[in-house]
């Protein structure tokens, strides 16, 4: 079938202190994909934890990756993995938190700006292109005058944690659908919430 290899990078910060932060929703999605695959992450020399497998029987090869660097320097592990597995920027999917869309919302796009997201900015710099796919997982804007950095480095609220598993599940569905059916079909499905 499809011989192209996909790299799916879930962004976040390393260590248990950050695990429940809004900024780590990308890694939560990767954990869900790992669970679906019945696989455990293994440490790779690129400073990432990875799983290699196929999407479904006979489907495309997929490398799931959680960079083990801090968010602001996510580019180095992503770039090293892309080089190691010979994956071009067209087959890179980055799953990340997005303050510009409401909590419990998923949007997909290719390229464009980074919206002040330092993890995306670093990946764009290292890859030499912004033309990768993004699964943007909504965490909403900070309330009042709260600093954005403080907001994304907080754990999800008790109310948000009630629906967080469904958001993570939907984002994992979006990654799988995006690889299987392409961006336009995935946007049509997930942007309308059907």
C-alpha atoms as a PDB file:
ATOM      1  CA  UNK A   1       0.000   0.000   0.000  1.00  0.00           C
ATOM      2  CA  UNK A   2       1.529   3.280   1.148  1.00  0.00           C
ATOM      3  CA  UNK A   3       5.309   3.128   1.600  1.00  0.00           C
ATOM      4  CA  UNK A   4       5.648   6.690   2.847  1.00  0.00           C
ATOM      5  CA  UNK A   5       6.660   6.995   6.498  1.00  0.00           C
ATOM      6  CA  UNK A   6       4.899   9.568   8.672  1.00  0.00           C
ATOM      7  CA  UNK A   7       6.386  11.259  11.717  1.00  0.00           C
ATOM      8  CA  UNK A   8       3.847  12.318  14.351  1.00  0.00           C
ATOM      9  CA  UNK A   9       5.357  14.536  17.061  1.00  0.00           C
ATOM     10  CA  UNK A  10       3.387  15.321  20.216  1.00  0.00           C
ATOM     11  CA  UNK A  11       4.694  18.439  21.931  1.00  0.00           C
ATOM     12  CA  UNK A  12       5.076  19.014  25.645  1.00  0.00           C
ATOM     13  CA  UNK A  13       7.622  19.427  28.427  1.00  0.00           C
ATOM     14  CA  UNK A  14       9.426  16.467  30.014  1.00  0.00           C
ATOM     15  CA  UNK A  15       8.896  15.194  33.533  1.00  0.00           C
ATOM     16  CA  UNK A  16       5.949  14.490  35.824  1.00  0.00           C
ATOM     17  CA  UNK A  17       5.680  18.110  36.982  1.00  0.00           C
ATOM     18  CA  UNK A  18       4.449  19.150  33.526  1.00  0.00           C
ATOM     19  CA  UNK A  19       2.426  16.042  32.633  1.00  0.00           C
ATOM     20  CA  UNK A  20      -1.017  17.547  33.336  1.00  0.00           C
ATOM     21  CA  UNK A  21      -0.293  21.002  31.862  1.00  0.00           C
ATOM     22  CA  UNK A  22      -2.296  22.432  28.964  1.00  0.00           C
ATOM     23  CA  UNK A  23       1.043  22.724  27.130  1.00  0.00           C
ATOM     24  CA  UNK A  24       1.381  18.918  27.262  1.00  0.00           C
ATOM     25  CA  UNK A  25      -1.841  17.991  25.488  1.00  0.00           C
ATOM     26  CA  UNK A  26       0.191  16.976  22.400  1.00  0.00           C
ATOM     27  CA  UNK A  27       1.985  14.331  24.431  1.00  0.00           C
ATOM     28  CA  UNK A  28      -1.322  13.181  25.936  1.00  0.00           C
ATOM     29  CA  UNK A  29      -2.562  12.548  22.388  1.00  0.00           C
ATOM     30  CA  UNK A  30       0.587  10.542  21.582  1.00  0.00           C
ATOM     31  CA  UNK A  31       0.044   8.455  24.723  1.00  0.00           C
ATOM     32  CA  UNK A  32      -3.476   7.687  23.477  1.00  0.00           C
ATOM     33  CA  UNK A  33      -2.121   6.667  20.042  1.00  0.00           C
ATOM     34  CA  UNK A  34       0.471   4.445  21.766  1.00  0.00           C
ATOM     35  CA  UNK A  35      -2.259   2.784  23.818  1.00  0.00           C
ATOM     36  CA  UNK A  36      -4.291   2.125  20.668  1.00  0.00           C
ATOM     37  CA  UNK A  37      -1.227   0.575  19.041  1.00  0.00           C
ATOM     38  CA  UNK A  38      -0.603  -1.557  22.127  1.00  0.00           C
ATOM     39  CA  UNK A  39       3.001  -0.309  22.180  1.00  0.00           C
ATOM     40  CA  UNK A  40       5.329   1.339  24.670  1.00  0.00           C
ATOM     41  CA  UNK A  41       7.619   4.282  23.919  1.00  0.00           C
ATOM     42  CA  UNK A  42      11.335   3.544  23.700  1.00  0.00           C
ATOM     43  CA  UNK A  43      14.123   6.081  24.105  1.00  0.00           C
ATOM     44  CA  UNK A  44      15.802   7.116  20.837  1.00  0.00           C
ATOM     45  CA  UNK A  45      19.212   8.867  20.565  1.00  0.00           C
ATOM     46  CA  UNK A  46      17.436  11.920  19.073  1.00  0.00           C
ATOM     47  CA  UNK A  47      16.289  12.846  22.627  1.00  0.00           C
ATOM     48  CA  UNK A  48      12.782  11.614  21.969  1.00  0.00           C
ATOM     49  CA  UNK A  49      10.706   8.638  22.959  1.00  0.00           C
ATOM     50  CA  UNK A  50       9.375   6.830  19.908  1.00  0.00           C
ATOM     51  CA  UNK A  51       7.158   3.995  18.715  1.00  0.00           C
ATOM     52  CA  UNK A  52       7.400   2.575  15.193  1.00  0.00           C
ATOM     53  CA  UNK A  53       4.517   0.763  13.571  1.00  0.00           C
ATOM     54  CA  UNK A  54       1.874   0.783  10.874  1.00  0.00           C
ATOM     55  CA  UNK A  55      -1.470   2.519  10.774  1.00  0.00           C
ATOM     56  CA  UNK A  56      -3.796  -0.447  10.469  1.00  0.00           C
ATOM     57  CA  UNK A  57      -3.023  -3.637   8.565  1.00  0.00           C
ATOM     58  CA  UNK A  58      -0.912  -2.808   5.525  1.00  0.00           C
ATOM     59  CA  UNK A  59      -1.211   0.911   6.237  1.00  0.00           C
ATOM     60  CA  UNK A  60       1.589   3.466   6.096  1.00  0.00           C
ATOM     61  CA  UNK A  61       4.558   3.298   8.449  1.00  0.00           C
ATOM     62  CA  UNK A  62       4.240   5.744  11.326  1.00  0.00           C
ATOM     63  CA  UNK A  63       6.784   6.939  13.862  1.00  0.00           C
ATOM     64  CA  UNK A  64       5.141   8.366  16.993  1.00  0.00           C
ATOM     65  CA  UNK A  65       7.487  10.712  18.834  1.00  0.00           C
ATOM     66  CA  UNK A  66       7.497  12.607  22.111  1.00  0.00           C
ATOM     67  CA  UNK A  67      10.463  15.003  22.256  1.00  0.00           C
ATOM     68  CA  UNK A  68      12.138  14.768  25.666  1.00  0.00           C
ATOM     69  CA  UNK A  69      13.488  18.316  25.464  1.00  0.00           C
ATOM     70  CA  UNK A  70      11.676  21.383  26.718  1.00  0.00           C
ATOM     71  CA  UNK A  71       8.955  22.702  24.421  1.00  0.00           C
ATOM     72  CA  UNK A  72      11.001  25.706  23.197  1.00  0.00           C
ATOM     73  CA  UNK A  73      13.678  23.402  21.745  1.00  0.00           C
ATOM     74  CA  UNK A  74      11.424  20.716  20.228  1.00  0.00           C
ATOM     75  CA  UNK A  75      12.990  21.267  16.808  1.00  0.00           C
ATOM     76  CA  UNK A  76      16.231  19.363  17.416  1.00  0.00           C
ATOM     77  CA  UNK A  77      14.645  15.971  18.234  1.00  0.00           C
ATOM     78  CA  UNK A  78      12.006  16.374  15.504  1.00  0.00           C
ATOM     79  CA  UNK A  79      14.659  17.328  12.934  1.00  0.00           C
ATOM     80  CA  UNK A  80      16.938  14.432  13.934  1.00  0.00           C
ATOM     81  CA  UNK A  81      14.080  11.935  13.685  1.00  0.00           C
ATOM     82  CA  UNK A  82      13.015  13.300  10.285  1.00  0.00           C
ATOM     83  CA  UNK A  83      16.594  12.861   9.066  1.00  0.00           C
ATOM     84  CA  UNK A  84      17.052   9.427  10.679  1.00  0.00           C
ATOM     85  CA  UNK A  85      13.837   8.027   9.162  1.00  0.00           C
ATOM     86  CA  UNK A  86      14.179  10.030   5.912  1.00  0.00           C
ATOM     87  CA  UNK A  87      10.845  11.813   6.373  1.00  0.00           C
ATOM     88  CA  UNK A  88      10.160  15.004   4.451  1.00  0.00           C
ATOM     89  CA  UNK A  89       8.288  17.965   5.892  1.00  0.00           C
ATOM     90  CA  UNK A  90       5.119  16.978   3.970  1.00  0.00           C
ATOM     91  CA  UNK A  91       4.878  13.823   6.121  1.00  0.00           C
ATOM     92  CA  UNK A  92       5.423  15.529   9.481  1.00  0.00           C
ATOM     93  CA  UNK A  93       2.408  15.996  11.764  1.00  0.00           C
ATOM     94  CA  UNK A  94       2.827  18.074  14.929  1.00  0.00           C
ATOM     95  CA  UNK A  95       0.185  17.707  17.651  1.00  0.00           C
ATOM     96  CA  UNK A  96       0.159  20.726  19.944  1.00  0.00           C
ATOM     97  CA  UNK A  97      -1.828  22.947  22.283  1.00  0.00           C
ATOM     98  CA  UNK A  98      -3.504  25.955  20.680  1.00  0.00           C
ATOM     99  CA  UNK A  99      -4.710  28.986  22.665  1.00  0.00           C
ATOM    100  CA  UNK A 100      -6.362  30.602  19.629  1.00  0.00           C
ATOM    101  CA  UNK A 101      -9.152  28.029  19.523  1.00  0.00           C
ATOM    102  CA  UNK A 102     -11.554  27.148  22.361  1.00  0.00           C
ATOM    103  CA  UNK A 103     -10.962  24.248  24.700  1.00  0.00           C
ATOM    104  CA  UNK A 104     -12.420  20.990  23.411  1.00  0.00           C
ATOM    105  CA  UNK A 105     -11.958  22.016  19.756  1.00  0.00           C
ATOM    106  CA  UNK A 106      -9.629  20.517  17.153  1.00  0.00           C
ATOM    107  CA  UNK A 107      -8.455  22.243  13.982  1.00  0.00           C
ATOM    108  CA  UNK A 108      -6.099  20.919  11.332  1.00  0.00           C
ATOM    109  CA  UNK A 109      -3.922  22.856   8.928  1.00  0.00           C
ATOM    110  CA  UNK A 110      -0.732  22.760   6.917  1.00  0.00           C
ATOM    111  CA  UNK A 111       1.799  25.540   7.290  1.00  0.00           C
ATOM    112  CA  UNK A 112       1.037  29.097   8.303  1.00  0.00           C
ATOM    113  CA  UNK A 113       2.250  31.046  11.283  1.00  0.00           C
ATOM    114  CA  UNK A 114       3.168  29.691  14.683  1.00  0.00           C
ATOM    115  CA  UNK A 115       0.942  32.091  16.654  1.00  0.00           C
ATOM    116  CA  UNK A 116       3.622  32.716  19.259  1.00  0.00           C
ATOM    117  CA  UNK A 117       4.027  28.975  19.934  1.00  0.00           C
ATOM    118  CA  UNK A 118       7.745  28.553  20.625  1.00  0.00           C
ATOM    119  CA  UNK A 119       7.706  24.800  20.038  1.00  0.00           C
ATOM    120  CA  UNK A 120       6.321  25.296  16.530  1.00  0.00           C
ATOM    121  CA  UNK A 121       8.706  28.172  15.877  1.00  0.00           C
ATOM    122  CA  UNK A 122      11.694  25.963  16.761  1.00  0.00           C
ATOM    123  CA  UNK A 123      10.447  23.082  14.588  1.00  0.00           C
ATOM    124  CA  UNK A 124       9.949  25.464  11.630  1.00  0.00           C
ATOM    125  CA  UNK A 125      13.473  26.809  12.106  1.00  0.00           C
ATOM    126  CA  UNK A 126      15.113  23.365  12.300  1.00  0.00           C
ATOM    127  CA  UNK A 127      13.046  21.875   9.446  1.00  0.00           C
ATOM    128  CA  UNK A 128      13.668  24.962   7.299  1.00  0.00           C
ATOM    129  CA  UNK A 129       9.951  25.074   6.506  1.00  0.00           C
ATOM    130  CA  UNK A 130       6.561  25.815   8.055  1.00  0.00           C
ATOM    131  CA  UNK A 131       4.870  23.495   5.583  1.00  0.00           C
ATOM    132  CA  UNK A 132       4.137  20.616   7.986  1.00  0.00           C
ATOM    133  CA  UNK A 133       0.731  19.451   9.190  1.00  0.00           C
ATOM    134  CA  UNK A 134      -0.609  20.543  12.559  1.00  0.00           C
ATOM    135  CA  UNK A 135      -3.286  18.995  14.735  1.00  0.00           C
ATOM    136  CA  UNK A 136      -4.186  22.027  16.844  1.00  0.00           C
ATOM    137  CA  UNK A 137      -5.773  20.985  20.115  1.00  0.00           C
ATOM    138  CA  UNK A 138      -7.696  23.842  21.696  1.00  0.00           C
ATOM    139  CA  UNK A 139      -6.857  24.921  25.246  1.00  0.00           C
ATOM    140  CA  UNK A 140      -8.522  28.350  25.041  1.00  0.00           C
ATOM    141  CA  UNK A 141      -7.208  31.775  25.982  1.00  0.00           C
ATOM    142  CA  UNK A 142      -6.074  32.733  29.472  1.00  0.00           C
ATOM    143  CA  UNK A 143      -8.685  34.541  31.572  1.00  0.00           C
ATOM    144  CA  UNK A 144      -8.359  38.262  32.250  1.00  0.00           C
ATOM    145  CA  UNK A 145      -4.787  39.520  32.067  1.00  0.00           C
ATOM    146  CA  UNK A 146      -3.133  36.221  32.904  1.00  0.00           C
ATOM    147  CA  UNK A 147       0.143  35.678  31.077  1.00  0.00           C
ATOM    148  CA  UNK A 148      -0.117  33.114  28.264  1.00  0.00           C
ATOM    149  CA  UNK A 149       2.949  31.226  29.512  1.00  0.00           C
ATOM    150  CA  UNK A 150       1.418  30.911  32.987  1.00  0.00           C
ATOM    151  CA  UNK A 151      -1.846  29.672  31.443  1.00  0.00           C
ATOM    152  CA  UNK A 152      -0.350  26.908  29.299  1.00  0.00           C
ATOM    153  CA  UNK A 153       1.932  25.773  32.151  1.00  0.00           C
ATOM    154  CA  UNK A 154      -1.070  25.229  34.438  1.00  0.00           C
ATOM    155  CA  UNK A 155      -2.841  21.905  34.709  1.00  0.00           C
ATOM    156  CA  UNK A 156      -6.253  21.633  33.112  1.00  0.00           C
ATOM    157  CA  UNK A 157      -9.029  22.766  35.462  1.00  0.00           C
ATOM    158  CA  UNK A 158     -11.263  20.258  37.235  1.00  0.00           C
ATOM    159  CA  UNK A 159     -14.107  21.061  34.818  1.00  0.00           C
ATOM    160  CA  UNK A 160     -11.791  20.682  31.789  1.00  0.00           C
ATOM    161  CA  UNK A 161     -10.487  17.359  33.091  1.00  0.00           C
ATOM    162  CA  UNK A 162     -14.043  15.986  32.817  1.00  0.00           C
ATOM    163  CA  UNK A 163     -13.992  16.317  29.005  1.00  0.00           C
ATOM    164  CA  UNK A 164     -10.211  16.139  28.434  1.00  0.00           C
ATOM    165  CA  UNK A 165     -10.264  12.377  27.658  1.00  0.00           C
ATOM    166  CA  UNK A 166     -12.783  13.024  24.858  1.00  0.00           C
ATOM    167  CA  UNK A 167     -10.638  15.870  23.459  1.00  0.00           C
ATOM    168  CA  UNK A 168      -7.518  13.667  23.510  1.00  0.00           C
ATOM    169  CA  UNK A 169      -9.475  10.813  21.913  1.00  0.00           C
ATOM    170  CA  UNK A 170     -10.779  13.103  19.137  1.00  0.00           C
ATOM    171  CA  UNK A 171      -7.302  14.501  18.458  1.00  0.00           C
ATOM    172  CA  UNK A 172      -5.931  10.944  18.195  1.00  0.00           C
ATOM    173  CA  UNK A 173      -8.777  10.128  15.777  1.00  0.00           C
ATOM    174  CA  UNK A 174      -7.833  13.241  13.786  1.00  0.00           C
ATOM    175  CA  UNK A 175      -4.196  12.117  13.478  1.00  0.00           C
ATOM    176  CA  UNK A 176      -5.216   8.674  12.222  1.00  0.00           C
ATOM    177  CA  UNK A 177      -7.810  10.088   9.824  1.00  0.00           C
ATOM    178  CA  UNK A 178      -5.370  12.710   8.522  1.00  0.00           C
ATOM    179  CA  UNK A 179      -2.804  10.044   7.632  1.00  0.00           C
ATOM    180  CA  UNK A 180      -5.403   7.729   6.091  1.00  0.00           C
ATOM    181  CA  UNK A 181      -7.513  10.259   4.166  1.00  0.00           C
ATOM    182  CA  UNK A 182      -5.560  13.522   3.751  1.00  0.00           C
ATOM    183  CA  UNK A 183      -5.954  17.065   5.034  1.00  0.00           C
ATOM    184  CA  UNK A 184      -9.104  18.197   3.206  1.00  0.00           C
ATOM    185  CA  UNK A 185     -11.126  15.147   4.260  1.00  0.00           C
ATOM    186  CA  UNK A 186      -9.848  15.463   7.830  1.00  0.00           C
ATOM    187  CA  UNK A 187     -10.729  19.161   7.966  1.00  0.00           C
ATOM    188  CA  UNK A 188     -14.213  18.418   6.629  1.00  0.00           C
ATOM    189  CA  UNK A 189     -14.740  15.778   9.303  1.00  0.00           C
ATOM    190  CA  UNK A 190     -13.175  17.410  12.363  1.00  0.00           C
ATOM    191  CA  UNK A 191     -13.878  21.103  11.769  1.00  0.00           C
ATOM    192  CA  UNK A 192     -17.609  20.460  11.611  1.00  0.00           C
ATOM    193  CA  UNK A 193     -17.509  18.117  14.591  1.00  0.00           C
ATOM    194  CA  UNK A 194     -19.247  15.313  12.724  1.00  0.00           C
END
